[in-house]
Structure formats: structure tokens, C-alpha cells
Amino acid sequence: MSQQPAPVPARQPLDEHAADSVRAYAAAERAKTDVLASVLEDIAANGYPSPESGMPWETARDAHLARLADEQPRVA
């Protein structure tokens, strides 16, 4: 077995449309991650929210499915 690392393949450049799509996806994922981080920081600072202040998971699921049904189809 060789101790040398495998060669790294050369990168292939993206066209402008693909690069813009990747940047938009990265921004959307970063925004979701920022929201999650702020929720976790709030829990760390103030504890868990009371169950009465939450939403039943069925209600959240149905609202999310309704939003998905209203969206325009997208290609990943």
C-alpha cells in the first residue's frame, strides 16, 4: 500500500448560471443554519420553551406540506 495521497482531480469551472445557482443555494443553506444556531443559542441562554407555547407536530407537518404543494417545481 502506498503512503502517498491520491492525486486531486482538477476542478472544472462552472458557467455563470450554474455558479449563481450554487451561490444562491449556499446563501439559503447559510440562512437556515443561522436560524438553527439562533434557536440553539436561545435554548442555551433561556432553557427549553414550555410545551404549551409550541405547535403540535401534525399542525407543523400539514403547514409544511401545504407550502410544498404551492411551490413551483425546481430542478436541483
N, C-alpha and C. Protein backbone atom coordinates (compact mmCIF):
# COMPACT_ATOMS: atom_id res chain seq x y z
N MET A 1 0.82 -1.18 0.00
CA MET A 1 0.00 0.00 0.00
C MET A 1 0.87 1.25 0.00
N SER A 2 0.51 2.19 -0.80
CA SER A 2 1.28 3.42 -0.92
C SER A 2 0.90 4.41 0.17
N GLN A 3 1.86 5.13 0.67
CA GLN A 3 1.62 6.14 1.70
C GLN A 3 1.35 7.52 1.08
N GLN A 4 1.43 7.60 -0.24
CA GLN A 4 1.20 8.88 -0.90
C GLN A 4 -0.30 9.11 -1.07
N PRO A 5 -0.75 10.35 -0.87
CA PRO A 5 -2.17 10.63 -1.06
C PRO A 5 -2.58 10.49 -2.52
N ALA A 6 -3.84 10.19 -2.72
CA ALA A 6 -4.35 10.08 -4.09
C ALA A 6 -4.30 11.46 -4.74
N PRO A 7 -4.04 11.51 -6.04
CA PRO A 7 -3.99 12.81 -6.72
C PRO A 7 -5.38 13.47 -6.71
N VAL A 8 -5.37 14.77 -6.53
CA VAL A 8 -6.61 15.54 -6.52
C VAL A 8 -6.99 15.86 -7.96
N PRO A 9 -8.22 15.54 -8.36
CA PRO A 9 -8.60 15.85 -9.74
C PRO A 9 -8.70 17.36 -9.94
N ALA A 10 -8.43 17.79 -11.16
CA ALA A 10 -8.53 19.21 -11.48
C ALA A 10 -10.00 19.63 -11.41
N ARG A 11 -10.23 20.86 -11.04
CA ARG A 11 -11.59 21.37 -10.95
C ARG A 11 -12.08 21.81 -12.32
N GLN A 12 -13.36 21.64 -12.53
CA GLN A 12 -13.97 22.09 -13.77
C GLN A 12 -14.75 23.36 -13.49
N PRO A 13 -14.51 24.41 -14.24
CA PRO A 13 -15.22 25.67 -13.99
C PRO A 13 -16.71 25.54 -14.31
N LEU A 14 -17.52 26.34 -13.61
CA LEU A 14 -18.96 26.38 -13.85
C LEU A 14 -19.29 27.56 -14.75
N ASP A 15 -20.37 27.41 -15.51
CA ASP A 15 -20.82 28.58 -16.26
C ASP A 15 -21.47 29.55 -15.27
N GLU A 16 -21.72 30.77 -15.71
CA GLU A 16 -22.22 31.81 -14.80
C GLU A 16 -23.56 31.43 -14.17
N HIS A 17 -24.46 30.84 -14.94
CA HIS A 17 -25.77 30.46 -14.41
C HIS A 17 -25.62 29.41 -13.31
N ALA A 18 -24.79 28.41 -13.55
CA ALA A 18 -24.57 27.36 -12.56
C ALA A 18 -23.90 27.94 -11.31
N ALA A 19 -22.94 28.81 -11.50
CA ALA A 19 -22.25 29.43 -10.35
C ALA A 19 -23.23 30.26 -9.53
N ASP A 20 -24.11 31.01 -10.20
CA ASP A 20 -25.11 31.80 -9.49
C ASP A 20 -26.07 30.90 -8.72
N SER A 21 -26.44 29.77 -9.31
CA SER A 21 -27.32 28.83 -8.64
C SER A 21 -26.67 28.24 -7.39
N VAL A 22 -25.40 27.91 -7.49
CA VAL A 22 -24.67 27.36 -6.34
C VAL A 22 -24.56 28.41 -5.24
N ARG A 23 -24.29 29.65 -5.62
CA ARG A 23 -24.20 30.73 -4.62
C ARG A 23 -25.55 30.95 -3.93
N ALA A 24 -26.64 30.91 -4.71
CA ALA A 24 -27.97 31.09 -4.13
C ALA A 24 -28.30 29.94 -3.17
N TYR A 25 -27.95 28.74 -3.54
CA TYR A 25 -28.18 27.58 -2.67
C TYR A 25 -27.37 27.72 -1.38
N ALA A 26 -26.12 28.12 -1.51
CA ALA A 26 -25.26 28.30 -0.34
C ALA A 26 -25.84 29.38 0.59
N ALA A 27 -26.34 30.47 0.02
CA ALA A 27 -26.93 31.54 0.83
C ALA A 27 -28.17 31.05 1.56
N ALA A 28 -29.00 30.27 0.87
CA ALA A 28 -30.22 29.74 1.50
C ALA A 28 -29.87 28.78 2.64
N GLU A 29 -28.89 27.91 2.42
CA GLU A 29 -28.47 26.98 3.46
C GLU A 29 -27.85 27.72 4.64
N ARG A 30 -27.07 28.76 4.35
CA ARG A 30 -26.46 29.56 5.42
C ARG A 30 -27.54 30.24 6.25
N ALA A 31 -28.59 30.74 5.59
CA ALA A 31 -29.68 31.39 6.32
C ALA A 31 -30.39 30.39 7.23
N LYS A 32 -30.63 29.17 6.73
CA LYS A 32 -31.28 28.16 7.56
C LYS A 32 -30.39 27.79 8.75
N THR A 33 -29.10 27.70 8.52
CA THR A 33 -28.18 27.36 9.58
C THR A 33 -28.12 28.47 10.62
N ASP A 34 -28.18 29.72 10.18
CA ASP A 34 -28.19 30.84 11.12
C ASP A 34 -29.43 30.81 11.99
N VAL A 35 -30.59 30.45 11.42
CA VAL A 35 -31.82 30.36 12.20
C VAL A 35 -31.68 29.26 13.25
N LEU A 36 -31.18 28.10 12.83
CA LEU A 36 -30.99 26.99 13.78
C LEU A 36 -30.04 27.40 14.89
N ALA A 37 -28.93 28.06 14.54
CA ALA A 37 -27.97 28.48 15.55
C ALA A 37 -28.60 29.45 16.54
N SER A 38 -29.43 30.36 16.06
CA SER A 38 -30.05 31.33 16.97
C SER A 38 -31.05 30.63 17.90
N VAL A 39 -31.76 29.62 17.41
CA VAL A 39 -32.68 28.87 18.26
C VAL A 39 -31.89 28.13 19.34
N LEU A 40 -30.81 27.50 18.96
CA LEU A 40 -30.00 26.77 19.93
C LEU A 40 -29.38 27.71 20.97
N GLU A 41 -28.93 28.88 20.53
CA GLU A 41 -28.38 29.86 21.47
C GLU A 41 -29.45 30.34 22.44
N ASP A 42 -30.68 30.52 21.95
CA ASP A 42 -31.78 30.93 22.83
C ASP A 42 -32.08 29.85 23.85
N ILE A 43 -32.08 28.60 23.42
CA ILE A 43 -32.31 27.49 24.36
C ILE A 43 -31.21 27.44 25.40
N ALA A 44 -29.97 27.63 24.97
CA ALA A 44 -28.85 27.60 25.91
C ALA A 44 -28.96 28.74 26.93
N ALA A 45 -29.41 29.89 26.49
CA ALA A 45 -29.49 31.04 27.38
C ALA A 45 -30.73 31.01 28.28
N ASN A 46 -31.85 30.50 27.76
CA ASN A 46 -33.12 30.63 28.48
C ASN A 46 -33.80 29.30 28.81
N GLY A 47 -33.23 28.20 28.40
CA GLY A 47 -33.85 26.89 28.64
C GLY A 47 -34.85 26.54 27.55
N TYR A 48 -35.42 25.36 27.69
CA TYR A 48 -36.41 24.89 26.71
C TYR A 48 -37.71 25.68 26.83
N PRO A 49 -38.38 25.91 25.70
CA PRO A 49 -39.69 26.55 25.78
C PRO A 49 -40.72 25.59 26.39
N SER A 50 -41.76 26.13 26.97
CA SER A 50 -42.80 25.28 27.57
C SER A 50 -43.59 24.59 26.45
N PRO A 51 -44.07 23.39 26.70
CA PRO A 51 -44.84 22.68 25.68
C PRO A 51 -46.09 23.45 25.24
N GLU A 52 -46.67 24.24 26.13
CA GLU A 52 -47.87 24.99 25.80
C GLU A 52 -47.60 26.08 24.77
N SER A 53 -46.37 26.55 24.68
CA SER A 53 -46.05 27.62 23.74
C SER A 53 -45.71 27.09 22.35
N GLY A 54 -45.65 25.77 22.21
CA GLY A 54 -45.28 25.17 20.93
C GLY A 54 -46.48 24.90 20.04
N MET A 55 -46.20 24.19 18.96
CA MET A 55 -47.21 23.83 17.99
C MET A 55 -47.20 22.31 17.85
N PRO A 56 -48.35 21.66 17.81
CA PRO A 56 -48.36 20.21 17.60
C PRO A 56 -47.67 19.86 16.28
N TRP A 57 -46.95 18.75 16.26
CA TRP A 57 -46.18 18.41 15.06
C TRP A 57 -47.09 18.17 13.87
N GLU A 58 -48.32 17.71 14.10
CA GLU A 58 -49.24 17.49 12.99
C GLU A 58 -49.57 18.80 12.28
N THR A 59 -49.75 19.85 13.07
CA THR A 59 -50.05 21.17 12.50
C THR A 59 -48.85 21.68 11.71
N ALA A 60 -47.66 21.53 12.27
CA ALA A 60 -46.45 21.96 11.57
C ALA A 60 -46.27 21.17 10.28
N ARG A 61 -46.49 19.85 10.35
CA ARG A 61 -46.35 19.00 9.16
C ARG A 61 -47.33 19.43 8.08
N ASP A 62 -48.60 19.61 8.45
CA ASP A 62 -49.61 19.98 7.45
C ASP A 62 -49.30 21.33 6.82
N ALA A 63 -48.84 22.29 7.60
CA ALA A 63 -48.47 23.60 7.06
C ALA A 63 -47.30 23.48 6.11
N HIS A 64 -46.32 22.66 6.47
CA HIS A 64 -45.15 22.48 5.60
C HIS A 64 -45.55 21.80 4.30
N LEU A 65 -46.39 20.77 4.38
CA LEU A 65 -46.85 20.09 3.16
C LEU A 65 -47.66 21.03 2.27
N ALA A 66 -48.44 21.90 2.86
CA ALA A 66 -49.19 22.88 2.07
C ALA A 66 -48.25 23.85 1.36
N ARG A 67 -47.19 24.28 2.06
CA ARG A 67 -46.21 25.17 1.42
C ARG A 67 -45.52 24.45 0.27
N LEU A 68 -45.17 23.19 0.46
CA LEU A 68 -44.51 22.43 -0.60
C LEU A 68 -45.43 22.27 -1.81
N ALA A 69 -46.71 22.05 -1.58
CA ALA A 69 -47.66 21.88 -2.67
C ALA A 69 -47.84 23.16 -3.47
N ASP A 70 -47.66 24.32 -2.83
CA ASP A 70 -47.82 25.60 -3.51
C ASP A 70 -46.58 26.06 -4.26
N GLU A 71 -45.43 25.44 -3.99
CA GLU A 71 -44.19 25.88 -4.64
C GLU A 71 -44.14 25.47 -6.10
N GLN A 72 -43.37 26.24 -6.84
CA GLN A 72 -43.10 25.90 -8.22
C GLN A 72 -42.08 24.77 -8.27
N PRO A 73 -42.20 23.86 -9.23
CA PRO A 73 -41.20 22.79 -9.33
C PRO A 73 -39.80 23.36 -9.58
N ARG A 74 -38.81 22.74 -8.95
CA ARG A 74 -37.43 23.19 -9.12
C ARG A 74 -36.56 22.00 -9.48
N VAL A 75 -35.53 22.27 -10.21
CA VAL A 75 -34.55 21.26 -10.52
C VAL A 75 -33.34 21.50 -9.65
N ALA A 76 -32.86 20.46 -8.99
CA ALA A 76 -31.73 20.61 -8.09
C ALA A 76 -30.47 20.86 -8.86
